[in-house]
Amino acid sequence: MKREQWIALGVSTILFALLGWWVAGPLMPEISFDSMLAWRHISTASKGDSKGAAHRRAATTTKARRGRPRPGTVIDRFEGIAVYYNGPIRRVWGRNRAPDGYNLGLKYQCVEFVKRYYYYRLHHRMPDAGGNAADFFDPQLTDGAWNPRRGLYQFRNGSSTPPRKRDILVFGGSGDNPFGHVALVAQVFPDAIEMVQQNGGPNAPTRVRIPLLHREGKWYIHAEDILGWLGKR
C-alpha cells in the first residue's frame, strides 16, 4: 500500500474513533482531571517512544476509569440507609419517589439522601417536599422554633441546644454553590461532630469531622456557611 493510502487509512480510523467516542462518551465512566493531564503528558511524548506511550496511555485511562465508582454505586451506609455516588455535583439522574409517591428528591443529590433517611429510618414526611438544600432552613424563625415546612425543630448555629445524632445540618448557598448543602449528624463528640453526606463532590469523603464549640452557653459548629440544624426533639 502506498504512503498516501496509509495516511488516508490512518486519518479515517482516527475520525471513526472520535465519532465513536463522541456517541458513547456519556456512557463511559468519568475520567478525573488528573488523569486528563496524564493523558496529555503521555500523548505528547516523543515519536520514538510511540509504542511505549500507547501502552502507558491505555494503562492510565483504565486506571482512571476504575478510580471512581459509577453514579448510583453505594459508597457508604448510615444506619442501614445507603449513600450513593453522584459524580459531578450538579449532575442529576432522575427523581426518586417513595412507593406512596412521596418526593424524596433528585438522584443522587444531598437532599435526596437526607429525605430518604428521614422517610425510611425515622418515618418522617416533610410537609413541603420541595426546595433546595438551603431552603431547609428558615432564617425568619427564632432559635428552637418549629419549622412547619419541614415538620422539624430548627436551631441556629450558636444555639443553646446542641446538635444531636440524626439532626440535619444545613449549609447556606455560596457563589460556587447557590443551592446550599445538607448532611446528617452521624456522631456527636465533646468537641466535634461527624457528619455523613451524599454528593459532597466527586472526590469528597462521605464522612467529615467538624469542630464543635461551646461558648457562653451557646453551641457552634465551626464550619463555613453553616446555618444551623433541624431535628426531632
C-alpha atoms as a PDB file:
ATOM      1  CA  MET A   1       0.000   0.000   0.000  1.00  0.00           C
ATOM      2  CA  LYS A   2       1.329   3.437  -0.894  1.00  0.00           C
ATOM      3  CA  ARG A   3       2.279   6.017   1.693  1.00  0.00           C
ATOM      4  CA  GLU A   4      -0.674   8.248   0.742  1.00  0.00           C
ATOM      5  CA  GLN A   5      -3.065   5.332   1.189  1.00  0.00           C
ATOM      6  CA  TRP A   6      -1.623   4.556   4.630  1.00  0.00           C
ATOM      7  CA  ILE A   7      -2.108   8.183   5.624  1.00  0.00           C
ATOM      8  CA  ALA A   8      -5.697   8.221   4.353  1.00  0.00           C
ATOM      9  CA  LEU A   9      -6.450   4.980   6.208  1.00  0.00           C
ATOM     10  CA  GLY A  10      -4.966   6.391   9.413  1.00  0.00           C
ATOM     11  CA  VAL A  11      -6.995   9.599   9.180  1.00  0.00           C
ATOM     12  CA  SER A  12     -10.198   7.635   8.549  1.00  0.00           C
ATOM     13  CA  THR A  13      -9.527   5.385  11.545  1.00  0.00           C
ATOM     14  CA  ILE A  14      -8.986   8.380  13.820  1.00  0.00           C
ATOM     15  CA  LEU A  15     -12.189  10.082  12.601  1.00  0.00           C
ATOM     16  CA  PHE A  16     -14.253   6.930  13.161  1.00  0.00           C
ATOM     17  CA  ALA A  17     -12.706   6.502  16.626  1.00  0.00           C
ATOM     18  CA  LEU A  18     -13.527  10.105  17.571  1.00  0.00           C
ATOM     19  CA  LEU A  19     -17.093   9.680  16.309  1.00  0.00           C
ATOM     20  CA  GLY A  20     -17.492   6.511  18.376  1.00  0.00           C
ATOM     21  CA  TRP A  21     -16.098   8.219  21.463  1.00  0.00           C
ATOM     22  CA  TRP A  22     -18.487  11.172  20.995  1.00  0.00           C
ATOM     23  CA  VAL A  23     -21.500   8.858  20.745  1.00  0.00           C
ATOM     24  CA  ALA A  24     -20.505   6.550  23.608  1.00  0.00           C
ATOM     25  CA  GLY A  25     -18.847   9.210  25.736  1.00  0.00           C
ATOM     26  CA  PRO A  26     -21.826   9.838  28.114  1.00  0.00           C
ATOM     27  CA  LEU A  27     -21.887   6.117  28.884  1.00  0.00           C
ATOM     28  CA  MET A  28     -18.216   5.897  29.748  1.00  0.00           C
ATOM     29  CA  PRO A  29     -17.006   6.215  33.340  1.00  0.00           C
ATOM     30  CA  GLU A  30     -15.804   9.668  34.278  1.00  0.00           C
ATOM     31  CA  ILE A  31     -12.092  10.412  33.888  1.00  0.00           C
ATOM     32  CA  SER A  32     -10.536  12.615  36.549  1.00  0.00           C
ATOM     33  CA  PHE A  33      -8.839  15.913  35.739  1.00  0.00           C
ATOM     34  CA  ASP A  34      -5.521  14.499  36.940  1.00  0.00           C
ATOM     35  CA  SER A  35      -5.891  11.597  34.536  1.00  0.00           C
ATOM     36  CA  MET A  36      -6.650  14.008  31.706  1.00  0.00           C
ATOM     37  CA  LEU A  37      -3.378  15.784  32.443  1.00  0.00           C
ATOM     38  CA  ALA A  38      -1.584  12.438  32.466  1.00  0.00           C
ATOM     39  CA  TRP A  39      -3.186  11.580  29.127  1.00  0.00           C
ATOM     40  CA  ARG A  40      -1.992  14.888  27.652  1.00  0.00           C
ATOM     41  CA  HIS A  41       1.519  14.375  29.002  1.00  0.00           C
ATOM     42  CA  ILE A  42       1.765  10.871  27.566  1.00  0.00           C
ATOM     43  CA  SER A  43       0.182  11.743  24.227  1.00  0.00           C
ATOM     44  CA  THR A  44       2.822  14.432  23.625  1.00  0.00           C
ATOM     45  CA  ALA A  45       5.718  12.011  24.199  1.00  0.00           C
ATOM     46  CA  SER A  46       8.375  11.747  21.521  1.00  0.00           C
ATOM     47  CA  LYS A  47       7.522   9.805  18.377  1.00  0.00           C
ATOM     48  CA  GLY A  48      10.454   7.497  19.038  1.00  0.00           C
ATOM     49  CA  ASP A  49       8.602   6.066  22.055  1.00  0.00           C
ATOM     50  CA  SER A  50       5.154   5.843  20.456  1.00  0.00           C
ATOM     51  CA  LYS A  51       4.703   2.135  21.211  1.00  0.00           C
ATOM     52  CA  GLY A  52       5.578   2.539  24.885  1.00  0.00           C
ATOM     53  CA  ALA A  53       3.410   5.671  25.105  1.00  0.00           C
ATOM     54  CA  ALA A  54       0.453   3.743  23.733  1.00  0.00           C
ATOM     55  CA  HIS A  55       0.808   1.088  26.454  1.00  0.00           C
ATOM     56  CA  ARG A  56       1.112   3.730  29.186  1.00  0.00           C
ATOM     57  CA  ARG A  57      -1.826   5.647  27.762  1.00  0.00           C
ATOM     58  CA  ALA A  58      -4.057   2.560  27.861  1.00  0.00           C
ATOM     59  CA  ALA A  59      -2.961   1.761  31.422  1.00  0.00           C
ATOM     60  CA  THR A  60      -3.571   5.343  32.572  1.00  0.00           C
ATOM     61  CA  THR A  61      -7.096   5.607  31.180  1.00  0.00           C
ATOM     62  CA  THR A  62      -8.078   2.181  32.501  1.00  0.00           C
ATOM     63  CA  LYS A  63      -6.856   3.124  35.980  1.00  0.00           C
ATOM     64  CA  ALA A  64      -8.700   6.460  35.811  1.00  0.00           C
ATOM     65  CA  ARG A  65     -11.975   4.767  34.900  1.00  0.00           C
ATOM     66  CA  ARG A  66     -11.597   2.342  37.766  1.00  0.00           C
ATOM     67  CA  GLY A  67     -10.610   5.112  40.205  1.00  0.00           C
ATOM     68  CA  ARG A  68     -14.160   6.348  40.728  1.00  0.00           C
ATOM     69  CA  PRO A  69     -17.374   4.378  41.102  1.00  0.00           C
ATOM     70  CA  ARG A  70     -20.244   4.659  38.694  1.00  0.00           C
ATOM     71  CA  PRO A  71     -23.118   7.010  39.647  1.00  0.00           C
ATOM     72  CA  GLY A  72     -25.597   5.137  41.794  1.00  0.00           C
ATOM     73  CA  THR A  73     -22.928   2.981  43.444  1.00  0.00           C
ATOM     74  CA  VAL A  74     -23.321   2.590  47.216  1.00  0.00           C
ATOM     75  CA  ILE A  75     -20.245   4.157  48.829  1.00  0.00           C
ATOM     76  CA  ASP A  76     -21.393   4.300  52.480  1.00  0.00           C
ATOM     77  CA  ARG A  77     -24.317   3.490  54.744  1.00  0.00           C
ATOM     78  CA  PHE A  78     -25.722   5.281  57.747  1.00  0.00           C
ATOM     79  CA  GLU A  79     -27.928   3.130  59.978  1.00  0.00           C
ATOM     80  CA  GLY A  80     -28.776   0.954  57.008  1.00  0.00           C
ATOM     81  CA  ILE A  81     -29.542   3.799  54.584  1.00  0.00           C
ATOM     82  CA  ALA A  82     -27.299   3.880  51.528  1.00  0.00           C
ATOM     83  CA  VAL A  83     -25.145   6.810  50.482  1.00  0.00           C
ATOM     84  CA  TYR A  84     -24.789   6.838  46.690  1.00  0.00           C
ATOM     85  CA  TYR A  85     -22.051   8.226  44.485  1.00  0.00           C
ATOM     86  CA  ASN A  86     -23.304  11.047  42.264  1.00  0.00           C
ATOM     87  CA  GLY A  87     -20.324  12.214  40.226  1.00  0.00           C
ATOM     88  CA  PRO A  88     -20.249  15.913  39.252  1.00  0.00           C
ATOM     89  CA  ILE A  89     -22.090  17.888  41.934  1.00  0.00           C
ATOM     90  CA  ARG A  90     -24.794  19.317  39.688  1.00  0.00           C
ATOM     91  CA  ARG A  91     -25.447  16.125  37.739  1.00  0.00           C
ATOM     92  CA  VAL A  92     -28.835  14.503  38.394  1.00  0.00           C
ATOM     93  CA  TRP A  93     -30.087  11.053  37.486  1.00  0.00           C
ATOM     94  CA  GLY A  94     -33.856  11.395  37.696  1.00  0.00           C
ATOM     95  CA  ARG A  95     -36.246  11.843  40.582  1.00  0.00           C
ATOM     96  CA  ASN A  96     -36.585   9.326  43.397  1.00  0.00           C
ATOM     97  CA  ARG A  97     -40.030   8.731  44.864  1.00  0.00           C
ATOM     98  CA  ALA A  98     -41.173   6.525  47.702  1.00  0.00           C
ATOM     99  CA  PRO A  99     -43.707   3.753  46.948  1.00  0.00           C
ATOM    100  CA  ASP A 100     -46.510   6.057  48.134  1.00  0.00           C
ATOM    101  CA  GLY A 101     -45.415   8.826  45.750  1.00  0.00           C
ATOM    102  CA  TYR A 102     -43.635  10.996  48.301  1.00  0.00           C
ATOM    103  CA  ASN A 103     -40.901  13.071  46.668  1.00  0.00           C
ATOM    104  CA  LEU A 104     -37.515  12.001  48.031  1.00  0.00           C
ATOM    105  CA  GLY A 105     -35.560  14.310  45.720  1.00  0.00           C
ATOM    106  CA  LEU A 106     -33.243  14.174  42.749  1.00  0.00           C
ATOM    107  CA  LYS A 107     -30.811  11.275  42.485  1.00  0.00           C
ATOM    108  CA  TYR A 108     -28.158  11.363  43.938  1.00  0.00           C
ATOM    109  CA  GLN A 109     -28.149  14.814  45.440  1.00  0.00           C
ATOM    110  CA  CYS A 110     -27.572  15.658  49.098  1.00  0.00           C
ATOM    111  CA  VAL A 111     -31.266  16.421  49.686  1.00  0.00           C
ATOM    112  CA  GLU A 112     -32.291  13.003  48.374  1.00  0.00           C
ATOM    113  CA  PHE A 113     -30.149  11.196  50.944  1.00  0.00           C
ATOM    114  CA  VAL A 114     -31.384  13.284  53.877  1.00  0.00           C
ATOM    115  CA  LYS A 115     -35.052  12.963  52.963  1.00  0.00           C
ATOM    116  CA  ARG A 116     -34.709   9.270  52.154  1.00  0.00           C
ATOM    117  CA  TYR A 117     -33.088   8.669  55.551  1.00  0.00           C
ATOM    118  CA  TYR A 118     -35.801  10.581  57.406  1.00  0.00           C
ATOM    119  CA  TYR A 119     -38.536   8.816  55.451  1.00  0.00           C
ATOM    120  CA  TYR A 120     -37.351   5.212  55.783  1.00  0.00           C
ATOM    121  CA  ARG A 121     -35.487   5.361  59.076  1.00  0.00           C
ATOM    122  CA  LEU A 122     -37.498   7.914  61.072  1.00  0.00           C
ATOM    123  CA  HIS A 123     -40.820   7.552  59.176  1.00  0.00           C
ATOM    124  CA  HIS A 124     -40.909  11.304  58.644  1.00  0.00           C
ATOM    125  CA  ARG A 125     -42.550  13.079  55.719  1.00  0.00           C
ATOM    126  CA  MET A 126     -41.764  16.743  55.278  1.00  0.00           C
ATOM    127  CA  PRO A 127     -44.925  18.808  54.703  1.00  0.00           C
ATOM    128  CA  ASP A 128     -43.021  20.703  51.996  1.00  0.00           C
ATOM    129  CA  ALA A 129     -41.312  18.048  49.903  1.00  0.00           C
ATOM    130  CA  GLY A 130     -39.628  20.517  47.534  1.00  0.00           C
ATOM    131  CA  GLY A 131     -36.843  23.066  47.655  1.00  0.00           C
ATOM    132  CA  ASN A 132     -33.078  23.151  47.510  1.00  0.00           C
ATOM    133  CA  ALA A 133     -30.787  22.342  50.415  1.00  0.00           C
ATOM    134  CA  ALA A 134     -30.539  25.956  51.627  1.00  0.00           C
ATOM    135  CA  ASP A 135     -34.357  26.136  51.695  1.00  0.00           C
ATOM    136  CA  PHE A 136     -34.450  23.664  54.581  1.00  0.00           C
ATOM    137  CA  PHE A 137     -33.501  26.498  56.947  1.00  0.00           C
ATOM    138  CA  ASP A 138     -35.951  29.356  57.553  1.00  0.00           C
ATOM    139  CA  PRO A 139     -33.967  32.451  58.628  1.00  0.00           C
ATOM    140  CA  GLN A 140     -37.147  34.123  59.903  1.00  0.00           C
ATOM    141  CA  LEU A 141     -37.567  31.602  62.729  1.00  0.00           C
ATOM    142  CA  THR A 142     -36.142  32.055  66.201  1.00  0.00           C
ATOM    143  CA  ASP A 143     -33.748  29.520  67.671  1.00  0.00           C
ATOM    144  CA  GLY A 144     -35.526  26.326  68.687  1.00  0.00           C
ATOM    145  CA  ALA A 145     -38.731  27.208  66.820  1.00  0.00           C
ATOM    146  CA  TRP A 146     -40.898  24.765  64.910  1.00  0.00           C
ATOM    147  CA  ASN A 147     -40.235  24.738  61.165  1.00  0.00           C
ATOM    148  CA  PRO A 148     -43.658  23.947  59.657  1.00  0.00           C
ATOM    149  CA  ARG A 149     -42.356  23.387  56.129  1.00  0.00           C
ATOM    150  CA  ARG A 150     -40.037  20.597  57.284  1.00  0.00           C
ATOM    151  CA  GLY A 151     -42.011  19.368  60.274  1.00  0.00           C
ATOM    152  CA  LEU A 152     -38.936  19.657  62.500  1.00  0.00           C
ATOM    153  CA  TYR A 153     -37.464  21.926  65.168  1.00  0.00           C
ATOM    154  CA  GLN A 154     -34.876  24.371  63.884  1.00  0.00           C
ATOM    155  CA  PHE A 155     -31.747  25.575  65.683  1.00  0.00           C
ATOM    156  CA  ARG A 156     -29.377  28.331  64.651  1.00  0.00           C
ATOM    157  CA  ASN A 157     -25.635  27.854  64.614  1.00  0.00           C
ATOM    158  CA  GLY A 158     -24.981  29.355  68.037  1.00  0.00           C
ATOM    159  CA  SER A 159     -27.948  27.688  69.712  1.00  0.00           C
ATOM    160  CA  SER A 160     -28.447  26.875  73.367  1.00  0.00           C
ATOM    161  CA  THR A 161     -29.464  23.396  72.148  1.00  0.00           C
ATOM    162  CA  PRO A 162     -26.574  21.245  70.923  1.00  0.00           C
ATOM    163  CA  PRO A 163     -26.842  19.176  67.748  1.00  0.00           C
ATOM    164  CA  ARG A 164     -27.860  15.554  68.134  1.00  0.00           C
ATOM    165  CA  LYS A 165     -27.253  12.406  66.176  1.00  0.00           C
ATOM    166  CA  ARG A 166     -29.586  12.231  63.151  1.00  0.00           C
ATOM    167  CA  ASP A 167     -30.077  16.018  63.010  1.00  0.00           C
ATOM    168  CA  ILE A 168     -29.980  17.680  59.591  1.00  0.00           C
ATOM    169  CA  LEU A 169     -27.121  20.115  59.063  1.00  0.00           C
ATOM    170  CA  VAL A 170     -27.964  22.966  56.691  1.00  0.00           C
ATOM    171  CA  PHE A 171     -25.307  24.909  54.812  1.00  0.00           C
ATOM    172  CA  GLY A 172     -26.244  28.114  53.041  1.00  0.00           C
ATOM    173  CA  GLY A 173     -25.577  28.873  49.411  1.00  0.00           C
ATOM    174  CA  SER A 174     -22.370  30.467  48.189  1.00  0.00           C
ATOM    175  CA  GLY A 175     -21.002  31.864  44.956  1.00  0.00           C
ATOM    176  CA  ASP A 176     -19.862  28.449  43.767  1.00  0.00           C
ATOM    177  CA  ASN A 177     -22.948  26.657  45.053  1.00  0.00           C
ATOM    178  CA  PRO A 178     -26.088  28.814  45.372  1.00  0.00           C
ATOM    179  CA  PHE A 179     -28.201  25.766  46.266  1.00  0.00           C
ATOM    180  CA  GLY A 180     -26.565  25.041  49.641  1.00  0.00           C
ATOM    181  CA  HIS A 181     -25.910  21.640  51.126  1.00  0.00           C
ATOM    182  CA  VAL A 182     -27.456  19.307  53.695  1.00  0.00           C
ATOM    183  CA  ALA A 183     -25.979  16.397  55.630  1.00  0.00           C
ATOM    184  CA  LEU A 184     -26.761  14.311  58.710  1.00  0.00           C
ATOM    185  CA  VAL A 185     -25.080  14.273  62.084  1.00  0.00           C
ATOM    186  CA  ALA A 186     -23.664  10.755  62.338  1.00  0.00           C
ATOM    187  CA  GLN A 187     -21.941  11.143  65.732  1.00  0.00           C
ATOM    188  CA  VAL A 188     -21.525  13.794  68.403  1.00  0.00           C
ATOM    189  CA  PHE A 189     -18.323  14.099  70.439  1.00  0.00           C
ATOM    190  CA  PRO A 190     -17.500  16.542  73.258  1.00  0.00           C
ATOM    191  CA  ASP A 191     -15.592  18.823  70.865  1.00  0.00           C
ATOM    192  CA  ALA A 192     -16.674  17.720  67.384  1.00  0.00           C
ATOM    193  CA  ILE A 193     -19.402  16.205  65.252  1.00  0.00           C
ATOM    194  CA  GLU A 194     -19.104  13.721  62.426  1.00  0.00           C
ATOM    195  CA  MET A 195     -21.395  14.351  59.511  1.00  0.00           C
ATOM    196  CA  VAL A 196     -22.354  11.924  56.771  1.00  0.00           C
ATOM    197  CA  GLN A 197     -23.154  13.338  53.359  1.00  0.00           C
ATOM    198  CA  GLN A 198     -24.120  12.445  49.831  1.00  0.00           C
ATOM    199  CA  ASN A 199     -22.770  14.395  46.853  1.00  0.00           C
ATOM    200  CA  GLY A 200     -20.241  16.484  48.706  1.00  0.00           C
ATOM    201  CA  GLY A 201     -18.205  16.408  45.476  1.00  0.00           C
ATOM    202  CA  PRO A 202     -16.660  13.789  43.150  1.00  0.00           C
ATOM    203  CA  ASN A 203     -13.661  13.358  45.459  1.00  0.00           C
ATOM    204  CA  ALA A 204     -15.240  14.362  48.772  1.00  0.00           C
ATOM    205  CA  PRO A 205     -15.438  11.821  51.614  1.00  0.00           C
ATOM    206  CA  THR A 206     -18.838  10.742  52.873  1.00  0.00           C
ATOM    207  CA  ARG A 207     -17.767  11.320  56.498  1.00  0.00           C
ATOM    208  CA  VAL A 208     -16.333  14.611  57.750  1.00  0.00           C
ATOM    209  CA  ARG A 209     -15.477  15.594  61.321  1.00  0.00           C
ATOM    210  CA  ILE A 210     -16.137  19.249  62.217  1.00  0.00           C
ATOM    211  CA  PRO A 211     -15.154  21.070  65.443  1.00  0.00           C
ATOM    212  CA  LEU A 212     -17.989  21.699  67.916  1.00  0.00           C
ATOM    213  CA  LEU A 213     -17.510  24.700  70.193  1.00  0.00           C
ATOM    214  CA  HIS A 214     -19.345  25.634  73.408  1.00  0.00           C
ATOM    215  CA  ARG A 215     -19.015  29.284  74.366  1.00  0.00           C
ATOM    216  CA  GLU A 216     -21.103  31.267  76.859  1.00  0.00           C
ATOM    217  CA  GLY A 217     -23.857  28.678  76.840  1.00  0.00           C
ATOM    218  CA  LYS A 218     -24.089  28.512  73.031  1.00  0.00           C
ATOM    219  CA  TRP A 219     -23.143  25.674  70.673  1.00  0.00           C
ATOM    220  CA  TYR A 220     -21.333  26.401  67.440  1.00  0.00           C
ATOM    221  CA  ILE A 221     -20.403  24.072  64.605  1.00  0.00           C
ATOM    222  CA  HIS A 222     -17.188  25.538  63.252  1.00  0.00           C
ATOM    223  CA  ALA A 223     -17.785  25.225  59.507  1.00  0.00           C
ATOM    224  CA  GLU A 224     -18.106  27.760  56.737  1.00  0.00           C
ATOM    225  CA  ASP A 225     -21.629  28.655  55.568  1.00  0.00           C
ATOM    226  CA  ILE A 226     -23.439  26.501  58.127  1.00  0.00           C
ATOM    227  CA  LEU A 227     -26.796  27.989  59.081  1.00  0.00           C
ATOM    228  CA  GLY A 228     -27.872  25.523  61.741  1.00  0.00           C
ATOM    229  CA  TRP A 229     -29.566  22.173  62.232  1.00  0.00           C
ATOM    230  CA  LEU A 230     -33.023  20.663  62.289  1.00  0.00           C
ATOM    231  CA  GLY A 231     -34.353  17.595  64.032  1.00  0.00           C
ATOM    232  CA  LYS A 232     -36.927  15.853  66.167  1.00  0.00           C
ATOM    233  CA  ARG A 233     -36.994  16.669  69.870  1.00  0.00           C
END
